Amino acid sequence: MQKFAAVAETVGLSYEYATAALATVTSETRESADVVGNSLKTLFTRIQGLQLGETLEDGTTLNKYSTALAKVGISIKDSSGELKDMDLILDEMGNKWETLARDE
């Protein structure tokens, strides 16, 4: 939690959801909580960057991630154009996870 708590709160991820996500990913991947925490921090930071229209240091426009999610039917923004809370985005991803092909 220490690795990603600050950014998780910023993107609207509740403490309860964050702890459940950390426990689930750690259990499923058998990676350490430290590794999973860093991964979640990166994921949440990049999704937060989508709202800000940022470009990564390597020149990747973060819209690339938004577009990839949209291709599988997940919008990161609500009907008023605001970034959805991370809880909702992750729930939508979780609901589709079993139906996605490996390349998706």
PDB file of N, CA and C in Angstrom:
ATOM      1  N   MET A   1       0.826  -1.193   0.000  1.00  0.00           N
ATOM      2  CA  MET A   1       0.000   0.000   0.000  1.00  0.00           C
ATOM      3  C   MET A   1       0.867   1.252   0.000  1.00  0.00           C
ATOM      4  N   GLN A   2       1.982   1.176   0.673  1.00  0.00           N
ATOM      5  CA  GLN A   2       2.859   2.329   0.791  1.00  0.00           C
ATOM      6  C   GLN A   2       3.324   2.806  -0.584  1.00  0.00           C
ATOM      7  N   LYS A   3       3.503   1.889  -1.513  1.00  0.00           N
ATOM      8  CA  LYS A   3       4.016   2.217  -2.839  1.00  0.00           C
ATOM      9  C   LYS A   3       3.029   3.020  -3.681  1.00  0.00           C
ATOM     10  N   PHE A   4       1.724   2.773  -3.489  1.00  0.00           N
ATOM     11  CA  PHE A   4       0.765   3.409  -4.386  1.00  0.00           C
ATOM     12  C   PHE A   4      -0.393   4.125  -3.701  1.00  0.00           C
ATOM     13  N   ALA A   5      -0.381   4.222  -2.400  1.00  0.00           N
ATOM     14  CA  ALA A   5      -1.510   4.798  -1.669  1.00  0.00           C
ATOM     15  C   ALA A   5      -1.814   6.236  -2.081  1.00  0.00           C
ATOM     16  N   ALA A   6      -0.789   7.061  -2.224  1.00  0.00           N
ATOM     17  CA  ALA A   6      -1.015   8.474  -2.547  1.00  0.00           C
ATOM     18  C   ALA A   6      -1.674   8.647  -3.914  1.00  0.00           C
ATOM     19  N   VAL A   7      -1.151   7.963  -4.930  1.00  0.00           N
ATOM     20  CA  VAL A   7      -1.726   8.108  -6.264  1.00  0.00           C
ATOM     21  C   VAL A   7      -3.078   7.406  -6.354  1.00  0.00           C
ATOM     22  N   ALA A   8      -3.250   6.326  -5.603  1.00  0.00           N
ATOM     23  CA  ALA A   8      -4.535   5.620  -5.613  1.00  0.00           C
ATOM     24  C   ALA A   8      -5.650   6.531  -5.118  1.00  0.00           C
ATOM     25  N   GLU A   9      -5.386   7.250  -4.057  1.00  0.00           N
ATOM     26  CA  GLU A   9      -6.398   8.173  -3.523  1.00  0.00           C
ATOM     27  C   GLU A   9      -6.699   9.281  -4.530  1.00  0.00           C
ATOM     28  N   THR A  10      -5.679   9.774  -5.208  1.00  0.00           N
ATOM     29  CA  THR A  10      -5.842  10.843  -6.187  1.00  0.00           C
ATOM     30  C   THR A  10      -6.740  10.424  -7.347  1.00  0.00           C
ATOM     31  N   VAL A  11      -6.656   9.157  -7.761  1.00  0.00           N
ATOM     32  CA  VAL A  11      -7.462   8.684  -8.888  1.00  0.00           C
ATOM     33  C   VAL A  11      -8.788   8.071  -8.455  1.00  0.00           C
ATOM     34  N   GLY A  12      -9.121   8.210  -7.174  1.00  0.00           N
ATOM     35  CA  GLY A  12     -10.431   7.774  -6.710  1.00  0.00           C
ATOM     36  C   GLY A  12     -10.533   6.305  -6.345  1.00  0.00           C
ATOM     37  N   LEU A  13      -9.440   5.736  -5.873  1.00  0.00           N
ATOM     38  CA  LEU A  13      -9.465   4.341  -5.449  1.00  0.00           C
ATOM     39  C   LEU A  13      -9.605   4.322  -3.932  1.00  0.00           C
ATOM     40  N   SER A  14     -10.649   3.691  -3.451  1.00  0.00           N
ATOM     41  CA  SER A  14     -10.871   3.637  -2.007  1.00  0.00           C
ATOM     42  C   SER A  14      -9.819   2.756  -1.343  1.00  0.00           C
ATOM     43  N   TYR A  15      -9.602   2.966  -0.061  1.00  0.00           N
ATOM     44  CA  TYR A  15      -8.638   2.175   0.697  1.00  0.00           C
ATOM     45  C   TYR A  15      -9.019   0.697   0.660  1.00  0.00           C
ATOM     46  N   GLU A  16     -10.301   0.424   0.820  1.00  0.00           N
ATOM     47  CA  GLU A  16     -10.769  -0.956   0.826  1.00  0.00           C
ATOM     48  C   GLU A  16     -10.499  -1.634  -0.511  1.00  0.00           C
ATOM     49  N   TYR A  17     -10.762  -0.916  -1.591  1.00  0.00           N
ATOM     50  CA  TYR A  17     -10.545  -1.478  -2.920  1.00  0.00           C
ATOM     51  C   TYR A  17      -9.044  -1.675  -3.159  1.00  0.00           C
ATOM     52  N   ALA A  18      -8.250  -0.701  -2.719  1.00  0.00           N
ATOM     53  CA  ALA A  18      -6.802  -0.776  -2.924  1.00  0.00           C
ATOM     54  C   ALA A  18      -6.205  -1.984  -2.198  1.00  0.00           C
ATOM     55  N   THR A  19      -6.618  -2.216  -0.971  1.00  0.00           N
ATOM     56  CA  THR A  19      -6.077  -3.359  -0.232  1.00  0.00           C
ATOM     57  C   THR A  19      -6.527  -4.677  -0.862  1.00  0.00           C
ATOM     58  N   ALA A  20      -7.770  -4.713  -1.321  1.00  0.00           N
ATOM     59  CA  ALA A  20      -8.258  -5.929  -1.983  1.00  0.00           C
ATOM     60  C   ALA A  20      -7.506  -6.173  -3.289  1.00  0.00           C
ATOM     61  N   ALA A  21      -7.260  -5.113  -4.052  1.00  0.00           N
ATOM     62  CA  ALA A  21      -6.527  -5.251  -5.314  1.00  0.00           C
ATOM     63  C   ALA A  21      -5.110  -5.747  -5.053  1.00  0.00           C
ATOM     64  N   LEU A  22      -4.452  -5.174  -4.064  1.00  0.00           N
ATOM     65  CA  LEU A  22      -3.087  -5.592  -3.742  1.00  0.00           C
ATOM     66  C   LEU A  22      -3.052  -7.063  -3.326  1.00  0.00           C
ATOM     67  N   ALA A  23      -3.964  -7.460  -2.481  1.00  0.00           N
ATOM     68  CA  ALA A  23      -4.003  -8.849  -2.017  1.00  0.00           C
ATOM     69  C   ALA A  23      -4.309  -9.808  -3.166  1.00  0.00           C
ATOM     70  N   THR A  24      -5.253  -9.452  -4.012  1.00  0.00           N
ATOM     71  CA  THR A  24      -5.642 -10.318  -5.121  1.00  0.00           C
ATOM     72  C   THR A  24      -4.516 -10.477  -6.128  1.00  0.00           C
ATOM     73  N   VAL A  25      -3.913  -9.364  -6.534  1.00  0.00           N
ATOM     74  CA  VAL A  25      -2.842  -9.431  -7.526  1.00  0.00           C
ATOM     75  C   VAL A  25      -1.637 -10.172  -6.952  1.00  0.00           C
ATOM     76  N   THR A  26      -1.308  -9.914  -5.704  1.00  0.00           N
ATOM     77  CA  THR A  26      -0.189 -10.609  -5.069  1.00  0.00           C
ATOM     78  C   THR A  26      -0.444 -12.114  -5.027  1.00  0.00           C
ATOM     79  N   SER A  27      -1.652 -12.490  -4.673  1.00  0.00           N
ATOM     80  CA  SER A  27      -2.008 -13.906  -4.588  1.00  0.00           C
ATOM     81  C   SER A  27      -1.992 -14.581  -5.957  1.00  0.00           C
ATOM     82  N   GLU A  28      -2.549 -13.913  -6.947  1.00  0.00           N
ATOM     83  CA  GLU A  28      -2.662 -14.509  -8.282  1.00  0.00           C
ATOM     84  C   GLU A  28      -1.326 -14.588  -9.009  1.00  0.00           C
ATOM     85  N   THR A  29      -0.481 -13.570  -8.829  1.00  0.00           N
ATOM     86  CA  THR A  29       0.776 -13.526  -9.579  1.00  0.00           C
ATOM     87  C   THR A  29       1.953 -14.128  -8.824  1.00  0.00           C
ATOM     88  N   ARG A  30       1.800 -14.275  -7.520  1.00  0.00           N
ATOM     89  CA  ARG A  30       2.871 -14.763  -6.647  1.00  0.00           C
ATOM     90  C   ARG A  30       4.060 -13.809  -6.610  1.00  0.00           C
ATOM     91  N   GLU A  31       3.830 -12.558  -7.005  1.00  0.00           N
ATOM     92  CA  GLU A  31       4.858 -11.516  -6.907  1.00  0.00           C
ATOM     93  C   GLU A  31       4.793 -10.923  -5.502  1.00  0.00           C
ATOM     94  N   SER A  32       5.878 -10.283  -5.089  1.00  0.00           N
ATOM     95  CA  SER A  32       5.892  -9.665  -3.769  1.00  0.00           C
ATOM     96  C   SER A  32       4.969  -8.447  -3.752  1.00  0.00           C
ATOM     97  N   ALA A  33       4.518  -8.089  -2.578  1.00  0.00           N
ATOM     98  CA  ALA A  33       3.657  -6.907  -2.427  1.00  0.00           C
ATOM     99  C   ALA A  33       4.398  -5.660  -2.905  1.00  0.00           C
ATOM    100  N   ASP A  34       5.710  -5.617  -2.745  1.00  0.00           N
ATOM    101  CA  ASP A  34       6.507  -4.483  -3.192  1.00  0.00           C
ATOM    102  C   ASP A  34       6.454  -4.337  -4.711  1.00  0.00           C
ATOM    103  N   VAL A  35       6.625  -5.450  -5.415  1.00  0.00           N
ATOM    104  CA  VAL A  35       6.585  -5.446  -6.885  1.00  0.00           C
ATOM    105  C   VAL A  35       5.181  -5.068  -7.369  1.00  0.00           C
ATOM    106  N   VAL A  36       4.167  -5.659  -6.772  1.00  0.00           N
ATOM    107  CA  VAL A  36       2.792  -5.374  -7.164  1.00  0.00           C
ATOM    108  C   VAL A  36       2.447  -3.919  -6.857  1.00  0.00           C
ATOM    109  N   GLY A  37       2.877  -3.428  -5.715  1.00  0.00           N
ATOM    110  CA  GLY A  37       2.626  -2.032  -5.353  1.00  0.00           C
ATOM    111  C   GLY A  37       3.225  -1.065  -6.356  1.00  0.00           C
ATOM    112  N   ASN A  38       4.459  -1.337  -6.789  1.00  0.00           N
ATOM    113  CA  ASN A  38       5.093  -0.487  -7.812  1.00  0.00           C
ATOM    114  C   ASN A  38       4.330  -0.553  -9.131  1.00  0.00           C
ATOM    115  N   SER A  39       3.868  -1.741  -9.491  1.00  0.00           N
ATOM    116  CA  SER A  39       3.112  -1.908 -10.733  1.00  0.00           C
ATOM    117  C   SER A  39       1.800  -1.136 -10.682  1.00  0.00           C
ATOM    118  N   LEU A  40       1.110  -1.239  -9.563  1.00  0.00           N
ATOM    119  CA  LEU A  40      -0.154  -0.513  -9.419  1.00  0.00           C
ATOM    120  C   LEU A  40       0.081   0.987  -9.429  1.00  0.00           C
ATOM    121  N   LYS A  41       1.161   1.438  -8.805  1.00  0.00           N
ATOM    122  CA  LYS A  41       1.485   2.868  -8.821  1.00  0.00           C
ATOM    123  C   LYS A  41       1.676   3.351 -10.261  1.00  0.00           C
ATOM    124  N   THR A  42       2.403   2.578 -11.055  1.00  0.00           N
ATOM    125  CA  THR A  42       2.628   2.943 -12.457  1.00  0.00           C
ATOM    126  C   THR A  42       1.311   2.990 -13.219  1.00  0.00           C
ATOM    127  N   LEU A  43       0.479   1.975 -13.045  1.00  0.00           N
ATOM    128  CA  LEU A  43      -0.818   1.928 -13.715  1.00  0.00           C
ATOM    129  C   LEU A  43      -1.666   3.136 -13.352  1.00  0.00           C
ATOM    130  N   PHE A  44      -1.786   3.428 -12.070  1.00  0.00           N
ATOM    131  CA  PHE A  44      -2.638   4.531 -11.622  1.00  0.00           C
ATOM    132  C   PHE A  44      -2.083   5.880 -12.057  1.00  0.00           C
ATOM    133  N   THR A  45      -0.765   6.027 -12.044  1.00  0.00           N
ATOM    134  CA  THR A  45      -0.143   7.279 -12.469  1.00  0.00           C
ATOM    135  C   THR A  45      -0.402   7.525 -13.951  1.00  0.00           C
ATOM    136  N   ARG A  46      -0.310   6.475 -14.751  1.00  0.00           N
ATOM    137  CA  ARG A  46      -0.558   6.630 -16.189  1.00  0.00           C
ATOM    138  C   ARG A  46      -2.019   6.941 -16.467  1.00  0.00           C
ATOM    139  N   ILE A  47      -2.916   6.310 -15.757  1.00  0.00           N
ATOM    140  CA  ILE A  47      -4.331   6.619 -15.965  1.00  0.00           C
ATOM    141  C   ILE A  47      -4.629   8.038 -15.494  1.00  0.00           C
ATOM    142  N   GLN A  48      -4.013   8.463 -14.413  1.00  0.00           N
ATOM    143  CA  GLN A  48      -4.185   9.845 -13.964  1.00  0.00           C
ATOM    144  C   GLN A  48      -3.656  10.801 -15.030  1.00  0.00           C
ATOM    145  N   GLY A  49      -2.548  10.436 -15.666  1.00  0.00           N
ATOM    146  CA  GLY A  49      -1.967  11.259 -16.717  1.00  0.00           C
ATOM    147  C   GLY A  49      -2.875  11.407 -17.920  1.00  0.00           C
ATOM    148  N   LEU A  50      -3.755  10.442 -18.154  1.00  0.00           N
ATOM    149  CA  LEU A  50      -4.700  10.538 -19.267  1.00  0.00           C
ATOM    150  C   LEU A  50      -5.590  11.752 -19.102  1.00  0.00           C
ATOM    151  N   GLN A  51      -5.971  12.024 -17.871  1.00  0.00           N
ATOM    152  CA  GLN A  51      -6.818  13.166 -17.598  1.00  0.00           C
ATOM    153  C   GLN A  51      -6.082  14.468 -17.886  1.00  0.00           C
ATOM    154  N   LEU A  52      -4.770  14.452 -17.687  1.00  0.00           N
ATOM    155  CA  LEU A  52      -3.973  15.650 -17.848  1.00  0.00           C
ATOM    156  C   LEU A  52      -3.435  15.831 -19.264  1.00  0.00           C
ATOM    157  N   GLY A  53      -3.645  14.830 -20.119  1.00  0.00           N
ATOM    158  CA  GLY A  53      -3.161  14.897 -21.498  1.00  0.00           C
ATOM    159  C   GLY A  53      -1.649  14.841 -21.605  1.00  0.00           C
ATOM    160  N   GLU A  54      -1.010  14.129 -20.712  1.00  0.00           N
ATOM    161  CA  GLU A  54       0.448  14.076 -20.671  1.00  0.00           C
ATOM    162  C   GLU A  54       1.035  13.189 -21.770  1.00  0.00           C
ATOM    163  N   THR A  55       2.326  13.381 -21.990  1.00  0.00           N
ATOM    164  CA  THR A  55       3.112  12.533 -22.872  1.00  0.00           C
ATOM    165  C   THR A  55       4.247  11.968 -22.034  1.00  0.00           C
ATOM    166  N   LEU A  56       4.521  10.674 -22.161  1.00  0.00           N
ATOM    167  CA  LEU A  56       5.594  10.048 -21.399  1.00  0.00           C
ATOM    168  C   LEU A  56       6.950  10.474 -21.933  1.00  0.00           C
ATOM    169  N   GLU A  57       7.989  10.222 -21.130  1.00  0.00           N
ATOM    170  CA  GLU A  57       9.354  10.587 -21.512  1.00  0.00           C
ATOM    171  C   GLU A  57       9.783   9.959 -22.828  1.00  0.00           C
ATOM    172  N   ASP A  58       9.249   8.780 -23.151  1.00  0.00           N
ATOM    173  CA  ASP A  58       9.637   8.116 -24.397  1.00  0.00           C
ATOM    174  C   ASP A  58       8.813   8.602 -25.588  1.00  0.00           C
ATOM    175  N   GLY A  59       7.964   9.619 -25.372  1.00  0.00           N
ATOM    176  CA  GLY A  59       7.174  10.181 -26.449  1.00  0.00           C
ATOM    177  C   GLY A  59       5.808   9.550 -26.630  1.00  0.00           C
ATOM    178  N   THR A  60       5.484   8.548 -25.828  1.00  0.00           N
ATOM    179  CA  THR A  60       4.183   7.889 -25.929  1.00  0.00           C
ATOM    180  C   THR A  60       3.100   8.815 -25.398  1.00  0.00           C
ATOM    181  N   THR A  61       2.110   9.076 -26.219  1.00  0.00           N
ATOM    182  CA  THR A  61       0.981   9.869 -25.774  1.00  0.00           C
ATOM    183  C   THR A  61       0.074   8.966 -24.958  1.00  0.00           C
ATOM    184  N   LEU A  62      -0.318   9.439 -23.800  1.00  0.00           N
ATOM    185  CA  LEU A  62      -1.118   8.601 -22.918  1.00  0.00           C
ATOM    186  C   LEU A  62      -2.487   8.296 -23.493  1.00  0.00           C
ATOM    187  N   ASN A  63      -2.890   9.008 -24.517  1.00  0.00           N
ATOM    188  CA  ASN A  63      -4.147   8.697 -25.192  1.00  0.00           C
ATOM    189  C   ASN A  63      -4.101   7.276 -25.756  1.00  0.00           C
ATOM    190  N   LYS A  64      -2.900   6.757 -25.972  1.00  0.00           N
ATOM    191  CA  LYS A  64      -2.723   5.379 -26.446  1.00  0.00           C
ATOM    192  C   LYS A  64      -3.391   4.398 -25.484  1.00  0.00           C
ATOM    193  N   TYR A  65      -3.256   4.624 -24.194  1.00  0.00           N
ATOM    194  CA  TYR A  65      -3.851   3.741 -23.188  1.00  0.00           C
ATOM    195  C   TYR A  65      -5.364   3.889 -23.152  1.00  0.00           C
ATOM    196  N   SER A  66      -5.823   5.100 -23.273  1.00  0.00           N
ATOM    197  CA  SER A  66      -7.262   5.354 -23.307  1.00  0.00           C
ATOM    198  C   SER A  66      -7.881   4.673 -24.520  1.00  0.00           C
ATOM    199  N   THR A  67      -7.207   4.760 -25.653  1.00  0.00           N
ATOM    200  CA  THR A  67      -7.683   4.130 -26.876  1.00  0.00           C
ATOM    201  C   THR A  67      -7.709   2.614 -26.740  1.00  0.00           C
ATOM    202  N   ALA A  68      -6.680   2.044 -26.133  1.00  0.00           N
ATOM    203  CA  ALA A  68      -6.629   0.585 -25.936  1.00  0.00           C
ATOM    204  C   ALA A  68      -7.787   0.122 -25.054  1.00  0.00           C
ATOM    205  N   LEU A  69      -8.070   0.857 -23.992  1.00  0.00           N
ATOM    206  CA  LEU A  69      -9.197   0.501 -23.129  1.00  0.00           C
ATOM    207  C   LEU A  69     -10.518   0.650 -23.871  1.00  0.00           C
ATOM    208  N   ALA A  70     -10.638   1.697 -24.666  1.00  0.00           N
ATOM    209  CA  ALA A  70     -11.875   1.919 -25.431  1.00  0.00           C
ATOM    210  C   ALA A  70     -12.126   0.781 -26.413  1.00  0.00           C
ATOM    211  N   LYS A  71     -11.056   0.212 -26.972  1.00  0.00           N
ATOM    212  CA  LYS A  71     -11.207  -0.886 -27.930  1.00  0.00           C
ATOM    213  C   LYS A  71     -11.848  -2.120 -27.302  1.00  0.00           C
ATOM    214  N   VAL A  72     -11.700  -2.264 -25.995  1.00  0.00           N
ATOM    215  CA  VAL A  72     -12.334  -3.399 -25.322  1.00  0.00           C
ATOM    216  C   VAL A  72     -13.588  -2.955 -24.560  1.00  0.00           C
ATOM    217  N   GLY A  73     -14.059  -1.750 -24.859  1.00  0.00           N
ATOM    218  CA  GLY A  73     -15.328  -1.289 -24.311  1.00  0.00           C
ATOM    219  C   GLY A  73     -15.258  -0.610 -22.962  1.00  0.00           C
ATOM    220  N   ILE A  74     -14.092  -0.091 -22.597  1.00  0.00           N
ATOM    221  CA  ILE A  74     -13.945   0.590 -21.307  1.00  0.00           C
ATOM    222  C   ILE A  74     -13.583   2.048 -21.553  1.00  0.00           C
ATOM    223  N   SER A  75     -14.428   2.941 -21.091  1.00  0.00           N
ATOM    224  CA  SER A  75     -14.150   4.372 -21.179  1.00  0.00           C
ATOM    225  C   SER A  75     -13.626   4.839 -19.834  1.00  0.00           C
ATOM    226  N   ILE A  76     -12.552   5.617 -19.858  1.00  0.00           N
ATOM    227  CA  ILE A  76     -12.002   6.107 -18.597  1.00  0.00           C
ATOM    228  C   ILE A  76     -12.697   7.374 -18.129  1.00  0.00           C
ATOM    229  N   LYS A  77     -13.560   7.928 -18.981  1.00  0.00           N
ATOM    230  CA  LYS A  77     -14.266   9.160 -18.626  1.00  0.00           C
ATOM    231  C   LYS A  77     -15.759   8.904 -18.519  1.00  0.00           C
ATOM    232  N   ASP A  78     -16.399   9.681 -17.670  1.00  0.00           N
ATOM    233  CA  ASP A  78     -17.848   9.547 -17.513  1.00  0.00           C
ATOM    234  C   ASP A  78     -18.562  10.395 -18.559  1.00  0.00           C
ATOM    235  N   SER A  79     -19.878  10.452 -18.482  1.00  0.00           N
ATOM    236  CA  SER A  79     -20.667  11.158 -19.499  1.00  0.00           C
ATOM    237  C   SER A  79     -20.416  12.663 -19.511  1.00  0.00           C
ATOM    238  N   SER A  80     -19.876  13.204 -18.431  1.00  0.00           N
ATOM    239  CA  SER A  80     -19.577  14.642 -18.399  1.00  0.00           C
ATOM    240  C   SER A  80     -18.123  14.936 -18.754  1.00  0.00           C
ATOM    241  N   GLY A  81     -17.377  13.905 -19.161  1.00  0.00           N
ATOM    242  CA  GLY A  81     -16.000  14.098 -19.593  1.00  0.00           C
ATOM    243  C   GLY A  81     -14.968  14.064 -18.481  1.00  0.00           C
ATOM    244  N   GLU A  82     -15.398  13.748 -17.271  1.00  0.00           N
ATOM    245  CA  GLU A  82     -14.479  13.661 -16.137  1.00  0.00           C
ATOM    246  C   GLU A  82     -13.919  12.252 -16.022  1.00  0.00           C
ATOM    247  N   LEU A  83     -12.688  12.144 -15.518  1.00  0.00           N
ATOM    248  CA  LEU A  83     -12.084  10.837 -15.299  1.00  0.00           C
ATOM    249  C   LEU A  83     -12.900  10.079 -14.261  1.00  0.00           C
ATOM    250  N   LYS A  84     -13.251   8.839 -14.592  1.00  0.00           N
ATOM    251  CA  LYS A  84     -13.998   8.008 -13.654  1.00  0.00           C
ATOM    252  C   LYS A  84     -13.102   7.657 -12.467  1.00  0.00           C
ATOM    253  N   ASP A  85     -13.720   7.336 -11.334  1.00  0.00           N
ATOM    254  CA  ASP A  85     -12.961   6.834 -10.199  1.00  0.00           C
ATOM    255  C   ASP A  85     -12.320   5.511 -10.591  1.00  0.00           C
ATOM    256  N   MET A  86     -11.131   5.281 -10.069  1.00  0.00           N
ATOM    257  CA  MET A  86     -10.381   4.069 -10.398  1.00  0.00           C
ATOM    258  C   MET A  86     -11.156   2.809 -10.025  1.00  0.00           C
ATOM    259  N   ASP A  87     -11.917   2.848  -8.928  1.00  0.00           N
ATOM    260  CA  ASP A  87     -12.720   1.687  -8.542  1.00  0.00           C
ATOM    261  C   ASP A  87     -13.603   1.240  -9.703  1.00  0.00           C
ATOM    262  N   LEU A  88     -14.244   2.190 -10.338  1.00  0.00           N
ATOM    263  CA  LEU A  88     -15.165   1.888 -11.434  1.00  0.00           C
ATOM    264  C   LEU A  88     -14.423   1.366 -12.660  1.00  0.00           C
ATOM    265  N   ILE A  89     -13.299   1.994 -13.002  1.00  0.00           N
ATOM    266  CA  ILE A  89     -12.510   1.540 -14.155  1.00  0.00           C
ATOM    267  C   ILE A  89     -12.039   0.105 -13.935  1.00  0.00           C
ATOM    268  N   LEU A  90     -11.526  -0.175 -12.744  1.00  0.00           N
ATOM    269  CA  LEU A  90     -11.041  -1.525 -12.453  1.00  0.00           C
ATOM    270  C   LEU A  90     -12.173  -2.540 -12.428  1.00  0.00           C
ATOM    271  N   ASP A  91     -13.339  -2.152 -11.921  1.00  0.00           N
ATOM    272  CA  ASP A  91     -14.495  -3.060 -11.951  1.00  0.00           C
ATOM    273  C   ASP A  91     -14.877  -3.397 -13.386  1.00  0.00           C
ATOM    274  N   GLU A  92     -14.878  -2.385 -14.254  1.00  0.00           N
ATOM    275  CA  GLU A  92     -15.212  -2.620 -15.660  1.00  0.00           C
ATOM    276  C   GLU A  92     -14.185  -3.538 -16.306  1.00  0.00           C
ATOM    277  N   MET A  93     -12.908  -3.328 -15.992  1.00  0.00           N
ATOM    278  CA  MET A  93     -11.860  -4.200 -16.528  1.00  0.00           C
ATOM    279  C   MET A  93     -12.032  -5.621 -16.000  1.00  0.00           C
ATOM    280  N   GLY A  94     -12.315  -5.745 -14.719  1.00  0.00           N
ATOM    281  CA  GLY A  94     -12.505  -7.060 -14.115  1.00  0.00           C
ATOM    282  C   GLY A  94     -13.662  -7.822 -14.730  1.00  0.00           C
ATOM    283  N   ASN A  95     -14.743  -7.108 -15.034  1.00  0.00           N
ATOM    284  CA  ASN A  95     -15.912  -7.747 -15.635  1.00  0.00           C
ATOM    285  C   ASN A  95     -15.630  -8.262 -17.045  1.00  0.00           C
ATOM    286  N   LYS A  96     -14.677  -7.654 -17.733  1.00  0.00           N
ATOM    287  CA  LYS A  96     -14.352  -8.049 -19.103  1.00  0.00           C
ATOM    288  C   LYS A  96     -13.151  -8.981 -19.185  1.00  0.00           C
ATOM    289  N   TRP A  97     -12.394  -9.092 -18.105  1.00  0.00           N
ATOM    290  CA  TRP A  97     -11.102  -9.772 -18.128  1.00  0.00           C
ATOM    291  C   TRP A  97     -11.159 -11.166 -18.738  1.00  0.00           C
ATOM    292  N   GLU A  98     -12.105 -11.974 -18.330  1.00  0.00           N
ATOM    293  CA  GLU A  98     -12.201 -13.357 -18.804  1.00  0.00           C
ATOM    294  C   GLU A  98     -12.571 -13.451 -20.284  1.00  0.00           C
ATOM    295  N   THR A  99     -13.121 -12.396 -20.853  1.00  0.00           N
ATOM    296  CA  THR A  99     -13.531 -12.422 -22.261  1.00  0.00           C
ATOM    297  C   THR A  99     -12.458 -11.878 -23.197  1.00  0.00           C
ATOM    298  N   LEU A 100     -11.378 -11.324 -22.643  1.00  0.00           N
ATOM    299  CA  LEU A 100     -10.358 -10.714 -23.478  1.00  0.00           C
ATOM    300  C   LEU A 100      -9.375 -11.752 -23.998  1.00  0.00           C
ATOM    301  N   ALA A 101      -8.938 -11.546 -25.231  1.00  0.00           N
ATOM    302  CA  ALA A 101      -7.891 -12.383 -25.812  1.00  0.00           C
ATOM    303  C   ALA A 101      -6.554 -11.941 -25.211  1.00  0.00           C
ATOM    304  N   ARG A 102      -5.569 -12.787 -25.279  1.00  0.00           N
ATOM    305  CA  ARG A 102      -4.262 -12.485 -24.686  1.00  0.00           C
ATOM    306  C   ARG A 102      -3.677 -11.170 -25.221  1.00  0.00           C
ATOM    307  N   ASP A 103      -3.828 -10.901 -26.516  1.00  0.00           N
ATOM    308  CA  ASP A 103      -3.272  -9.693 -27.105  1.00  0.00           C
ATOM    309  C   ASP A 103      -4.053  -8.438 -26.711  1.00  0.00           C
ATOM    310  N   GLU A 104      -5.290  -8.623 -26.250  1.00  0.00           N
ATOM    311  CA  GLU A 104      -6.046  -7.464 -25.797  1.00  0.00           C
ATOM    312  C   GLU A 104      -5.563  -7.049 -24.414  1.00  0.00           C
TER     313      GLU A 104
END
